PDB file of all heavy atoms in Angstrom:
ATOM      1  N   HIS A   1    -245.165  40.844 -82.895  1.00  0.00           N
ATOM      2  CA  HIS A   1    -244.372  41.911 -82.281  1.00  0.00           C
ATOM      3  C   HIS A   1    -243.980  42.948 -83.319  1.00  0.00           C
ATOM      4  O   HIS A   1    -242.826  43.369 -83.411  1.00  0.00           O
ATOM      5  CB  HIS A   1    -243.143  41.364 -81.577  1.00  0.00           C
ATOM      6  CG  HIS A   1    -243.433  40.499 -80.406  1.00  0.00           C
ATOM      7  ND1 HIS A   1    -243.932  40.975 -79.217  1.00  0.00           N
ATOM      8  CD2 HIS A   1    -243.299  39.149 -80.257  1.00  0.00           C
ATOM      9  CE1 HIS A   1    -244.100  39.968 -78.387  1.00  0.00           C
ATOM     10  NE2 HIS A   1    -243.745  38.842 -78.978  1.00  0.00           N
ATOM     11  N   THR A   2    -244.950  43.368 -84.131  1.00  0.00           N
ATOM     12  CA  THR A   2    -244.663  44.313 -85.233  1.00  0.00           C
ATOM     13  C   THR A   2    -245.138  45.721 -84.922  1.00  0.00           C
ATOM     14  O   THR A   2    -245.180  46.563 -85.823  1.00  0.00           O
ATOM     15  CB  THR A   2    -245.335  43.833 -86.533  1.00  0.00           C
ATOM     16  OG1 THR A   2    -246.734  43.664 -86.325  1.00  0.00           O
ATOM     17  CG2 THR A   2    -244.747  42.494 -86.985  1.00  0.00           C
ATOM     18  N   ASP A   3    -245.498  46.023 -83.664  1.00  0.00           N
ATOM     19  CA  ASP A   3    -246.045  47.360 -83.327  1.00  0.00           C
ATOM     20  C   ASP A   3    -245.048  48.476 -83.707  1.00  0.00           C
ATOM     21  O   ASP A   3    -245.492  49.578 -84.046  1.00  0.00           O
ATOM     22  CB  ASP A   3    -246.348  47.421 -81.839  1.00  0.00           C
ATOM     23  CG  ASP A   3    -247.552  46.587 -81.447  1.00  0.00           C
ATOM     24  OD1 ASP A   3    -248.269  46.106 -82.361  1.00  0.00           O
ATOM     25  OD2 ASP A   3    -247.773  46.375 -80.237  1.00  0.00           O
ATOM     26  N   ASN A   4    -243.786  48.210 -83.600  1.00  0.00           N
ATOM     27  CA  ASN A   4    -242.785  49.256 -83.865  1.00  0.00           C
ATOM     28  C   ASN A   4    -242.194  49.173 -85.287  1.00  0.00           C
ATOM     29  O   ASN A   4    -241.256  49.916 -85.586  1.00  0.00           O
ATOM     30  CB  ASN A   4    -241.658  49.151 -82.834  1.00  0.00           C
ATOM     31  CG  ASN A   4    -242.167  49.421 -81.426  1.00  0.00           C
ATOM     32  OD1 ASN A   4    -242.803  50.445 -81.175  1.00  0.00           O
ATOM     33  ND2 ASN A   4    -241.897  48.506 -80.508  1.00  0.00           N
ATOM     34  N   LEU A   5    -242.740  48.312 -86.113  1.00  0.00           N
ATOM     35  CA  LEU A   5    -242.208  48.169 -87.465  1.00  0.00           C
ATOM     36  C   LEU A   5    -242.276  49.490 -88.252  1.00  0.00           C
ATOM     37  O   LEU A   5    -241.395  49.788 -89.045  1.00  0.00           O
ATOM     38  CB  LEU A   5    -242.985  47.069 -88.210  1.00  0.00           C
ATOM     39  CG  LEU A   5    -242.584  46.771 -89.670  1.00  0.00           C
ATOM     40  CD1 LEU A   5    -241.097  46.368 -89.738  1.00  0.00           C
ATOM     41  CD2 LEU A   5    -243.447  45.695 -90.248  1.00  0.00           C
ATOM     42  N   CYS A   6    -243.283  50.290 -87.996  1.00  0.00           N
ATOM     43  CA  CYS A   6    -243.457  51.551 -88.741  1.00  0.00           C
ATOM     44  C   CYS A   6    -242.329  52.523 -88.464  1.00  0.00           C
ATOM     45  O   CYS A   6    -242.124  53.462 -89.234  1.00  0.00           O
ATOM     46  CB  CYS A   6    -244.783  52.197 -88.387  1.00  0.00           C
ATOM     47  SG  CYS A   6    -244.967  52.673 -86.646  1.00  0.00           S
ATOM     48  N   HIS A   7    -241.563  52.330 -87.403  1.00  0.00           N
ATOM     49  CA  HIS A   7    -240.428  53.197 -87.110  1.00  0.00           C
ATOM     50  C   HIS A   7    -239.207  52.818 -87.937  1.00  0.00           C
ATOM     51  O   HIS A   7    -238.217  53.568 -87.956  1.00  0.00           O
ATOM     52  CB  HIS A   7    -240.073  53.130 -85.621  1.00  0.00           C
ATOM     53  CG  HIS A   7    -241.155  53.680 -84.746  1.00  0.00           C
ATOM     54  ND1 HIS A   7    -241.186  54.993 -84.323  1.00  0.00           N
ATOM     55  CD2 HIS A   7    -242.256  53.079 -84.192  1.00  0.00           C
ATOM     56  CE1 HIS A   7    -242.259  55.174 -83.574  1.00  0.00           C
ATOM     57  NE2 HIS A   7    -242.904  54.040 -83.467  1.00  0.00           N
ATOM     58  N   TYR A   8    -239.267  51.671 -88.587  1.00  0.00           N
ATOM     59  CA  TYR A   8    -238.128  51.149 -89.312  1.00  0.00           C
ATOM     60  C   TYR A   8    -238.396  50.940 -90.805  1.00  0.00           C
ATOM     61  O   TYR A   8    -237.485  50.861 -91.597  1.00  0.00           O
ATOM     62  CB  TYR A   8    -237.668  49.823 -88.718  1.00  0.00           C
ATOM     63  CG  TYR A   8    -237.189  49.929 -87.300  1.00  0.00           C
ATOM     64  CD1 TYR A   8    -238.062  49.773 -86.236  1.00  0.00           C
ATOM     65  CD2 TYR A   8    -235.854  50.192 -87.017  1.00  0.00           C
ATOM     66  CE1 TYR A   8    -237.633  49.844 -84.919  1.00  0.00           C
ATOM     67  CE2 TYR A   8    -235.394  50.281 -85.705  1.00  0.00           C
ATOM     68  CZ  TYR A   8    -236.290  50.114 -84.667  1.00  0.00           C
ATOM     69  OH  TYR A   8    -235.859  50.222 -83.364  1.00  0.00           O
ATOM     70  N   LYS A   9    -239.678  50.823 -91.163  1.00  0.00           N
ATOM     71  CA  LYS A   9    -240.038  50.476 -92.527  1.00  0.00           C
ATOM     72  C   LYS A   9    -241.369  51.116 -92.888  1.00  0.00           C
ATOM     73  O   LYS A   9    -242.305  51.113 -92.081  1.00  0.00           O
ATOM     74  CB  LYS A   9    -240.119  48.958 -92.687  1.00  0.00           C
ATOM     75  CG  LYS A   9    -240.435  48.460 -94.067  1.00  0.00           C
ATOM     76  CD  LYS A   9    -240.441  46.925 -94.105  1.00  0.00           C
ATOM     77  CE  LYS A   9    -240.757  46.413 -95.480  1.00  0.00           C
ATOM     78  NZ  LYS A   9    -240.795  44.917 -95.526  1.00  0.00           N
ATOM     79  N   LYS A  10    -241.480  51.635 -94.092  1.00  0.00           N
ATOM     80  CA  LYS A  10    -242.737  52.259 -94.530  1.00  0.00           C
ATOM     81  C   LYS A  10    -243.814  51.200 -94.710  1.00  0.00           C
ATOM     82  O   LYS A  10    -243.609  50.196 -95.392  1.00  0.00           O
ATOM     83  CB  LYS A  10    -242.523  53.027 -95.848  1.00  0.00           C
ATOM     84  CG  LYS A  10    -243.792  53.730 -96.329  1.00  0.00           C
ATOM     85  CD  LYS A  10    -243.504  54.582 -97.542  1.00  0.00           C
ATOM     86  CE  LYS A  10    -244.763  55.226 -98.088  1.00  0.00           C
ATOM     87  NZ  LYS A  10    -245.413  56.093 -97.091  1.00  0.00           N
ATOM     88  N   LEU A  11    -244.974  51.417 -94.076  1.00  0.00           N
ATOM     89  CA  LEU A  11    -246.102  50.511 -94.202  1.00  0.00           C
ATOM     90  C   LEU A  11    -247.231  51.243 -94.936  1.00  0.00           C
ATOM     91  O   LEU A  11    -247.327  52.458 -94.861  1.00  0.00           O
ATOM     92  CB  LEU A  11    -246.590  50.050 -92.832  1.00  0.00           C
ATOM     93  CG  LEU A  11    -245.540  49.387 -91.923  1.00  0.00           C
ATOM     94  CD1 LEU A  11    -246.153  49.064 -90.560  1.00  0.00           C
ATOM     95  CD2 LEU A  11    -244.994  48.131 -92.577  1.00  0.00           C
ATOM     96  N   TRP A  12    -248.077  50.469 -95.605  1.00  0.00           N
ATOM     97  CA  TRP A  12    -249.170  51.086 -96.359  1.00  0.00           C
ATOM     98  C   TRP A  12    -250.116  51.868 -95.462  1.00  0.00           C
ATOM     99  O   TRP A  12    -250.707  52.852 -95.868  1.00  0.00           O
ATOM    100  CB  TRP A  12    -249.957  50.040 -97.151  1.00  0.00           C
ATOM    101  CG  TRP A  12    -250.740  49.093 -96.263  1.00  0.00           C
ATOM    102  CD1 TRP A  12    -250.322  47.925 -95.734  1.00  0.00           C
ATOM    103  CD2 TRP A  12    -252.093  49.272 -95.829  1.00  0.00           C
ATOM    104  NE1 TRP A  12    -251.306  47.335 -94.974  1.00  0.00           N
ATOM    105  CE2 TRP A  12    -252.411  48.159 -95.011  1.00  0.00           C
ATOM    106  CE3 TRP A  12    -253.051  50.271 -96.040  1.00  0.00           C
ATOM    107  CZ2 TRP A  12    -253.652  48.004 -94.413  1.00  0.00           C
ATOM    108  CZ3 TRP A  12    -254.306  50.101 -95.424  1.00  0.00           C
ATOM    109  CH2 TRP A  12    -254.598  48.999 -94.627  1.00  0.00           C
ATOM    110  N   SER A  13    -250.221  51.466 -94.210  1.00  0.00           N
ATOM    111  CA  SER A  13    -251.213  52.068 -93.313  1.00  0.00           C
ATOM    112  C   SER A  13    -250.651  53.218 -92.479  1.00  0.00           C
ATOM    113  O   SER A  13    -251.399  53.907 -91.781  1.00  0.00           O
ATOM    114  CB  SER A  13    -251.769  50.994 -92.361  1.00  0.00           C
ATOM    115  OG  SER A  13    -250.718  50.415 -91.604  1.00  0.00           O
ATOM    116  N   THR A  14    -249.337  53.434 -92.522  1.00  0.00           N
ATOM    117  CA  THR A  14    -248.732  54.451 -91.675  1.00  0.00           C
ATOM    118  C   THR A  14    -247.664  55.199 -92.447  1.00  0.00           C
ATOM    119  O   THR A  14    -247.024  54.646 -93.338  1.00  0.00           O
ATOM    120  CB  THR A  14    -248.077  53.842 -90.414  1.00  0.00           C
ATOM    121  OG1 THR A  14    -247.056  52.922 -90.843  1.00  0.00           O
ATOM    122  CG2 THR A  14    -249.084  53.099 -89.568  1.00  0.00           C
ATOM    123  N   PRO A  15    -247.418  56.465 -92.105  1.00  0.00           N
ATOM    124  CA  PRO A  15    -246.305  57.191 -92.717  1.00  0.00           C
ATOM    125  C   PRO A  15    -244.985  56.632 -92.187  1.00  0.00           C
ATOM    126  O   PRO A  15    -244.931  56.054 -91.100  1.00  0.00           O
ATOM    127  CB  PRO A  15    -246.514  58.624 -92.236  1.00  0.00           C
ATOM    128  CG  PRO A  15    -247.259  58.498 -90.952  1.00  0.00           C
ATOM    129  CD  PRO A  15    -248.146  57.274 -91.123  1.00  0.00           C
ATOM    130  N   LEU A  16    -243.950  56.802 -92.989  1.00  0.00           N
ATOM    131  CA  LEU A  16    -242.628  56.329 -92.555  1.00  0.00           C
ATOM    132  C   LEU A  16    -242.085  57.248 -91.462  1.00  0.00           C
ATOM    133  O   LEU A  16    -242.045  58.466 -91.615  1.00  0.00           O
ATOM    134  CB  LEU A  16    -241.663  56.307 -93.725  1.00  0.00           C
ATOM    135  CG  LEU A  16    -240.222  55.939 -93.410  1.00  0.00           C
ATOM    136  CD1 LEU A  16    -240.147  54.509 -92.889  1.00  0.00           C
ATOM    137  CD2 LEU A  16    -239.336  56.108 -94.625  1.00  0.00           C
ATOM    138  N   ILE A  17    -241.681  56.648 -90.381  1.00  0.00           N
ATOM    139  CA  ILE A  17    -240.943  57.377 -89.337  1.00  0.00           C
ATOM    140  C   ILE A  17    -239.486  57.002 -89.513  1.00  0.00           C
ATOM    141  O   ILE A  17    -239.160  55.816 -89.421  1.00  0.00           O
ATOM    142  CB  ILE A  17    -241.457  57.017 -87.951  1.00  0.00           C
ATOM    143  CG1 ILE A  17    -242.956  57.316 -87.860  1.00  0.00           C
ATOM    144  CG2 ILE A  17    -240.688  57.753 -86.876  1.00  0.00           C
ATOM    145  CD1 ILE A  17    -243.602  56.849 -86.569  1.00  0.00           C
ATOM    146  N   PRO A  18    -238.578  57.923 -89.767  1.00  0.00           N
ATOM    147  CA  PRO A  18    -237.207  57.561 -90.093  1.00  0.00           C
ATOM    148  C   PRO A  18    -236.599  56.650 -89.026  1.00  0.00           C
ATOM    149  O   PRO A  18    -236.871  56.791 -87.843  1.00  0.00           O
ATOM    150  CB  PRO A  18    -236.485  58.920 -90.133  1.00  0.00           C
ATOM    151  CG  PRO A  18    -237.576  59.887 -90.472  1.00  0.00           C
ATOM    152  CD  PRO A  18    -238.817  59.357 -89.809  1.00  0.00           C
ATOM    153  N   GLU A  19    -235.779  55.725 -89.486  1.00  0.00           N
ATOM    154  CA  GLU A  19    -235.165  54.758 -88.568  1.00  0.00           C
ATOM    155  C   GLU A  19    -234.340  55.503 -87.516  1.00  0.00           C
ATOM    156  O   GLU A  19    -233.579  56.403 -87.806  1.00  0.00           O
ATOM    157  CB  GLU A  19    -234.254  53.811 -89.339  1.00  0.00           C
ATOM    158  CG  GLU A  19    -233.569  52.790 -88.439  1.00  0.00           C
ATOM    159  CD  GLU A  19    -232.760  51.790 -89.237  1.00  0.00           C
ATOM    160  OE1 GLU A  19    -232.890  51.770 -90.443  1.00  0.00           O
ATOM    161  OE2 GLU A  19    -231.972  51.086 -88.601  1.00  0.00           O
ATOM    162  N   ILE A  20    -234.556  55.103 -86.272  1.00  0.00           N
ATOM    163  CA  ILE A  20    -233.827  55.674 -85.155  1.00  0.00           C
ATOM    164  C   ILE A  20    -233.155  54.553 -84.414  1.00  0.00           C
ATOM    165  O   ILE A  20    -233.821  53.680 -83.870  1.00  0.00           O
ATOM    166  CB  ILE A  20    -234.762  56.451 -84.205  1.00  0.00           C
ATOM    167  CG1 ILE A  20    -235.546  57.510 -84.966  1.00  0.00           C
ATOM    168  CG2 ILE A  20    -233.999  57.077 -83.070  1.00  0.00           C
ATOM    169  CD1 ILE A  20    -236.640  58.158 -84.185  1.00  0.00           C
ATOM    170  N   ARG A  21    -231.846  54.506 -84.423  1.00  0.00           N
ATOM    171  CA  ARG A  21    -231.143  53.355 -83.894  1.00  0.00           C
ATOM    172  C   ARG A  21    -231.503  53.090 -82.445  1.00  0.00           C
ATOM    173  O   ARG A  21    -231.623  51.954 -82.022  1.00  0.00           O
ATOM    174  CB  ARG A  21    -229.647  53.511 -84.063  1.00  0.00           C
ATOM    175  CG  ARG A  21    -228.855  52.360 -83.470  1.00  0.00           C
ATOM    176  CD  ARG A  21    -227.411  52.410 -83.821  1.00  0.00           C
ATOM    177  NE  ARG A  21    -226.705  51.329 -83.140  1.00  0.00           N
ATOM    178  CZ  ARG A  21    -225.448  51.010 -83.336  1.00  0.00           C
ATOM    179  NH1 ARG A  21    -224.753  51.661 -84.239  1.00  0.00           N
ATOM    180  NH2 ARG A  21    -224.867  50.037 -82.675  1.00  0.00           N
ATOM    181  N   ASP A  22    -231.650  54.159 -81.650  1.00  0.00           N
ATOM    182  CA  ASP A  22    -231.946  53.956 -80.210  1.00  0.00           C
ATOM    183  C   ASP A  22    -233.437  54.164 -79.929  1.00  0.00           C
ATOM    184  O   ASP A  22    -233.810  54.573 -78.866  1.00  0.00           O
ATOM    185  CB  ASP A  22    -231.108  54.907 -79.367  1.00  0.00           C
ATOM    186  CG  ASP A  22    -231.347  56.371 -79.681  1.00  0.00           C
ATOM    187  OD1 ASP A  22    -232.049  56.673 -80.655  1.00  0.00           O
ATOM    188  OD2 ASP A  22    -230.808  57.225 -78.945  1.00  0.00           O
ATOM    189  N   TYR A  23    -234.278  53.851 -80.918  1.00  0.00           N
ATOM    190  CA  TYR A  23    -235.727  53.998 -80.720  1.00  0.00           C
ATOM    191  C   TYR A  23    -236.172  53.236 -79.477  1.00  0.00           C
ATOM    192  O   TYR A  23    -235.858  52.075 -79.293  1.00  0.00           O
ATOM    193  CB  TYR A  23    -236.483  53.512 -81.961  1.00  0.00           C
ATOM    194  CG  TYR A  23    -237.976  53.519 -81.747  1.00  0.00           C
ATOM    195  CD1 TYR A  23    -238.652  54.741 -81.660  1.00  0.00           C
ATOM    196  CD2 TYR A  23    -238.689  52.355 -81.582  1.00  0.00           C
ATOM    197  CE1 TYR A  23    -240.007  54.763 -81.468  1.00  0.00           C
ATOM    198  CE2 TYR A  23    -240.059  52.377 -81.367  1.00  0.00           C
ATOM    199  CZ  TYR A  23    -240.715  53.590 -81.315  1.00  0.00           C
ATOM    200  OH  TYR A  23    -242.057  53.605 -81.096  1.00  0.00           O
ATOM    201  N   MET A  24    -236.912  53.933 -78.603  1.00  0.00           N
ATOM    202  CA  MET A  24    -237.425  53.350 -77.361  1.00  0.00           C
ATOM    203  C   MET A  24    -236.286  52.769 -76.522  1.00  0.00           C
ATOM    204  O   MET A  24    -236.470  51.789 -75.771  1.00  0.00           O
ATOM    205  CB  MET A  24    -238.493  52.278 -77.633  1.00  0.00           C
ATOM    206  CG  MET A  24    -239.763  52.840 -78.221  1.00  0.00           C
ATOM    207  SD  MET A  24    -241.056  51.593 -78.418  1.00  0.00           S
ATOM    208  CE  MET A  24    -241.373  51.164 -76.711  1.00  0.00           C
ATOM    209  N   GLY A  25    -235.098  53.338 -76.638  1.00  0.00           N
ATOM    210  CA  GLY A  25    -233.993  52.874 -75.827  1.00  0.00           C
ATOM    211  C   GLY A  25    -233.342  51.618 -76.351  1.00  0.00           C
ATOM    212  O   GLY A  25    -232.466  51.060 -75.705  1.00  0.00           O
ATOM    213  N   CYS A  26    -233.771  51.145 -77.514  1.00  0.00           N
ATOM    214  CA  CYS A  26    -233.229  49.890 -78.055  1.00  0.00           C
ATOM    215  C   CYS A  26    -232.112  50.179 -79.023  1.00  0.00           C
ATOM    216  O   CYS A  26    -232.302  50.910 -80.009  1.00  0.00           O
ATOM    217  CB  CYS A  26    -234.335  49.083 -78.759  1.00  0.00           C
ATOM    218  SG  CYS A  26    -233.760  47.529 -79.412  1.00  0.00           S
ATOM    219  N   GLY A  27    -230.934  49.654 -78.759  1.00  0.00           N
ATOM    220  CA  GLY A  27    -229.802  49.890 -79.624  1.00  0.00           C
ATOM    221  C   GLY A  27    -229.641  48.861 -80.714  1.00  0.00           C
ATOM    222  O   GLY A  27    -228.612  48.836 -81.390  1.00  0.00           O
ATOM    223  N   ALA A  28    -230.654  48.019 -80.891  1.00  0.00           N
ATOM    224  CA  ALA A  28    -230.586  46.986 -81.947  1.00  0.00           C
ATOM    225  C   ALA A  28    -230.657  47.651 -83.325  1.00  0.00           C
ATOM    226  O   ALA A  28    -231.342  48.675 -83.516  1.00  0.00           O
ATOM    227  CB  ALA A  28    -231.704  45.981 -81.771  1.00  0.00           C
ATOM    228  N   ILE A  29    -230.003  47.037 -84.298  1.00  0.00           N
ATOM    229  CA  ILE A  29    -229.938  47.596 -85.657  1.00  0.00           C
ATOM    230  C   ILE A  29    -230.829  46.752 -86.556  1.00  0.00           C
ATOM    231  O   ILE A  29    -230.636  45.564 -86.723  1.00  0.00           O
ATOM    232  CB  ILE A  29    -228.494  47.571 -86.163  1.00  0.00           C
ATOM    233  CG1 ILE A  29    -227.590  48.372 -85.249  1.00  0.00           C
ATOM    234  CG2 ILE A  29    -228.432  48.119 -87.595  1.00  0.00           C
ATOM    235  CD1 ILE A  29    -226.110  48.171 -85.496  1.00  0.00           C
ATOM    236  N   HIS A  30    -231.830  47.411 -87.141  1.00  0.00           N
ATOM    237  CA  HIS A  30    -232.762  46.725 -88.037  1.00  0.00           C
ATOM    238  C   HIS A  30    -232.070  46.470 -89.369  1.00  0.00           C
ATOM    239  O   HIS A  30    -231.509  47.368 -89.993  1.00  0.00           O
ATOM    240  CB  HIS A  30    -234.012  47.576 -88.262  1.00  0.00           C
ATOM    241  CG  HIS A  30    -235.028  46.942 -89.149  1.00  0.00           C
ATOM    242  ND1 HIS A  30    -235.509  47.570 -90.272  1.00  0.00           N
ATOM    243  CD2 HIS A  30    -235.642  45.739 -89.073  1.00  0.00           C
ATOM    244  CE1 HIS A  30    -236.378  46.770 -90.865  1.00  0.00           C
ATOM    245  NE2 HIS A  30    -236.476  45.656 -90.162  1.00  0.00           N
ATOM    246  N   ILE A  31    -232.156  45.211 -89.847  1.00  0.00           N
ATOM    247  CA  ILE A  31    -231.457  44.844 -91.089  1.00  0.00           C
ATOM    248  C   ILE A  31    -232.441  44.293 -92.126  1.00  0.00           C
ATOM    249  O   ILE A  31    -232.038  43.664 -93.083  1.00  0.00           O
ATOM    250  CB  ILE A  31    -230.316  43.854 -90.777  1.00  0.00           C
ATOM    251  CG1 ILE A  31    -229.324  43.764 -91.929  1.00  0.00           C
ATOM    252  CG2 ILE A  31    -230.855  42.494 -90.376  1.00  0.00           C
ATOM    253  CD1 ILE A  31    -228.098  42.921 -91.665  1.00  0.00           C
ATOM    254  N   GLY A  32    -233.742  44.528 -91.919  1.00  0.00           N
ATOM    255  CA  GLY A  32    -234.730  44.040 -92.860  1.00  0.00           C
ATOM    256  C   GLY A  32    -234.559  44.693 -94.228  1.00  0.00           C
ATOM    257  O   GLY A  32    -234.583  45.906 -94.340  1.00  0.00           O
ATOM    258  N   THR A  33    -234.403  43.874 -95.270  1.00  0.00           N
ATOM    259  CA  THR A  33    -234.162  44.298 -96.663  1.00  0.00           C
ATOM    260  C   THR A  33    -232.993  45.275 -96.720  1.00  0.00           C
ATOM    261  O   THR A  33    -233.024  46.302 -97.403  1.00  0.00           O
ATOM    262  CB  THR A  33    -235.438  44.933 -97.273  1.00  0.00           C
ATOM    263  OG1 THR A  33    -236.577  44.168 -96.887  1.00  0.00           O
ATOM    264  CG2 THR A  33    -235.365  44.927 -98.796  1.00  0.00           C
ATOM    265  N   LYS A  34    -231.916  44.905 -96.050  1.00  0.00           N
ATOM    266  CA  LYS A  34    -230.687  45.701 -96.029  1.00  0.00           C
ATOM    267  C   LYS A  34    -229.482  44.779 -96.007  1.00  0.00           C
ATOM    268  O   LYS A  34    -229.586  43.609 -95.661  1.00  0.00           O
ATOM    269  CB  LYS A  34    -230.640  46.618 -94.795  1.00  0.00           C
ATOM    270  CG  LYS A  34    -231.722  47.699 -94.752  1.00  0.00           C
ATOM    271  CD  LYS A  34    -231.594  48.486 -93.490  1.00  0.00           C
ATOM    272  CE  LYS A  34    -232.724  49.547 -93.438  1.00  0.00           C
ATOM    273  NZ  LYS A  34    -232.670  50.304 -92.144  1.00  0.00           N
ATOM    274  N   VAL A  35    -228.358  45.359 -96.381  1.00  0.00           N
ATOM    275  CA  VAL A  35    -227.082  44.653 -96.311  1.00  0.00           C
ATOM    276  C   VAL A  35    -226.151  45.513 -95.459  1.00  0.00           C
ATOM    277  O   VAL A  35    -226.033  46.739 -95.666  1.00  0.00           O
ATOM    278  CB  VAL A  35    -226.458  44.461 -97.691  1.00  0.00           C
ATOM    279  CG1 VAL A  35    -225.140  43.727 -97.596  1.00  0.00           C
ATOM    280  CG2 VAL A  35    -227.417  43.672 -98.598  1.00  0.00           C
ATOM    281  N   LYS A  36    -225.518  44.904 -94.475  1.00  0.00           N
ATOM    282  CA  LYS A  36    -224.614  45.619 -93.596  1.00  0.00           C
ATOM    283  C   LYS A  36    -223.316  44.819 -93.427  1.00  0.00           C
ATOM    284  O   LYS A  36    -223.288  43.604 -93.644  1.00  0.00           O
ATOM    285  CB  LYS A  36    -225.242  45.776 -92.188  1.00  0.00           C
ATOM    286  CG  LYS A  36    -226.535  46.545 -92.152  1.00  0.00           C
ATOM    287  CD  LYS A  36    -226.319  48.034 -92.205  1.00  0.00           C
ATOM    288  CE  LYS A  36    -227.609  48.800 -91.961  1.00  0.00           C
ATOM    289  NZ  LYS A  36    -227.401  50.278 -92.019  1.00  0.00           N
ATOM    290  N   LYS A  37    -222.265  45.519 -92.986  1.00  0.00           N
ATOM    291  CA  LYS A  37    -221.000  44.847 -92.714  1.00  0.00           C
ATOM    292  C   LYS A  37    -220.648  45.156 -91.254  1.00  0.00           C
ATOM    293  O   LYS A  37    -220.644  46.297 -90.839  1.00  0.00           O
ATOM    294  CB  LYS A  37    -219.901  45.333 -93.636  1.00  0.00           C
ATOM    295  CG  LYS A  37    -218.600  44.533 -93.566  1.00  0.00           C
ATOM    296  CD  LYS A  37    -217.684  44.897 -94.717  1.00  0.00           C
ATOM    297  CE  LYS A  37    -216.407  44.051 -94.716  1.00  0.00           C
ATOM    298  NZ  LYS A  37    -215.507  44.415 -93.599  1.00  0.00           N
TER     299      LYS A  37
END
């Protein structure tokens, strides 16, 4: 289920699309290689 990973993280095969919290209507917060409080 990594089709939308490029919207959250730069991949070698795709340009980075800046993280959008409500991407595709999803309000989930991506925390991969991040620290949040």
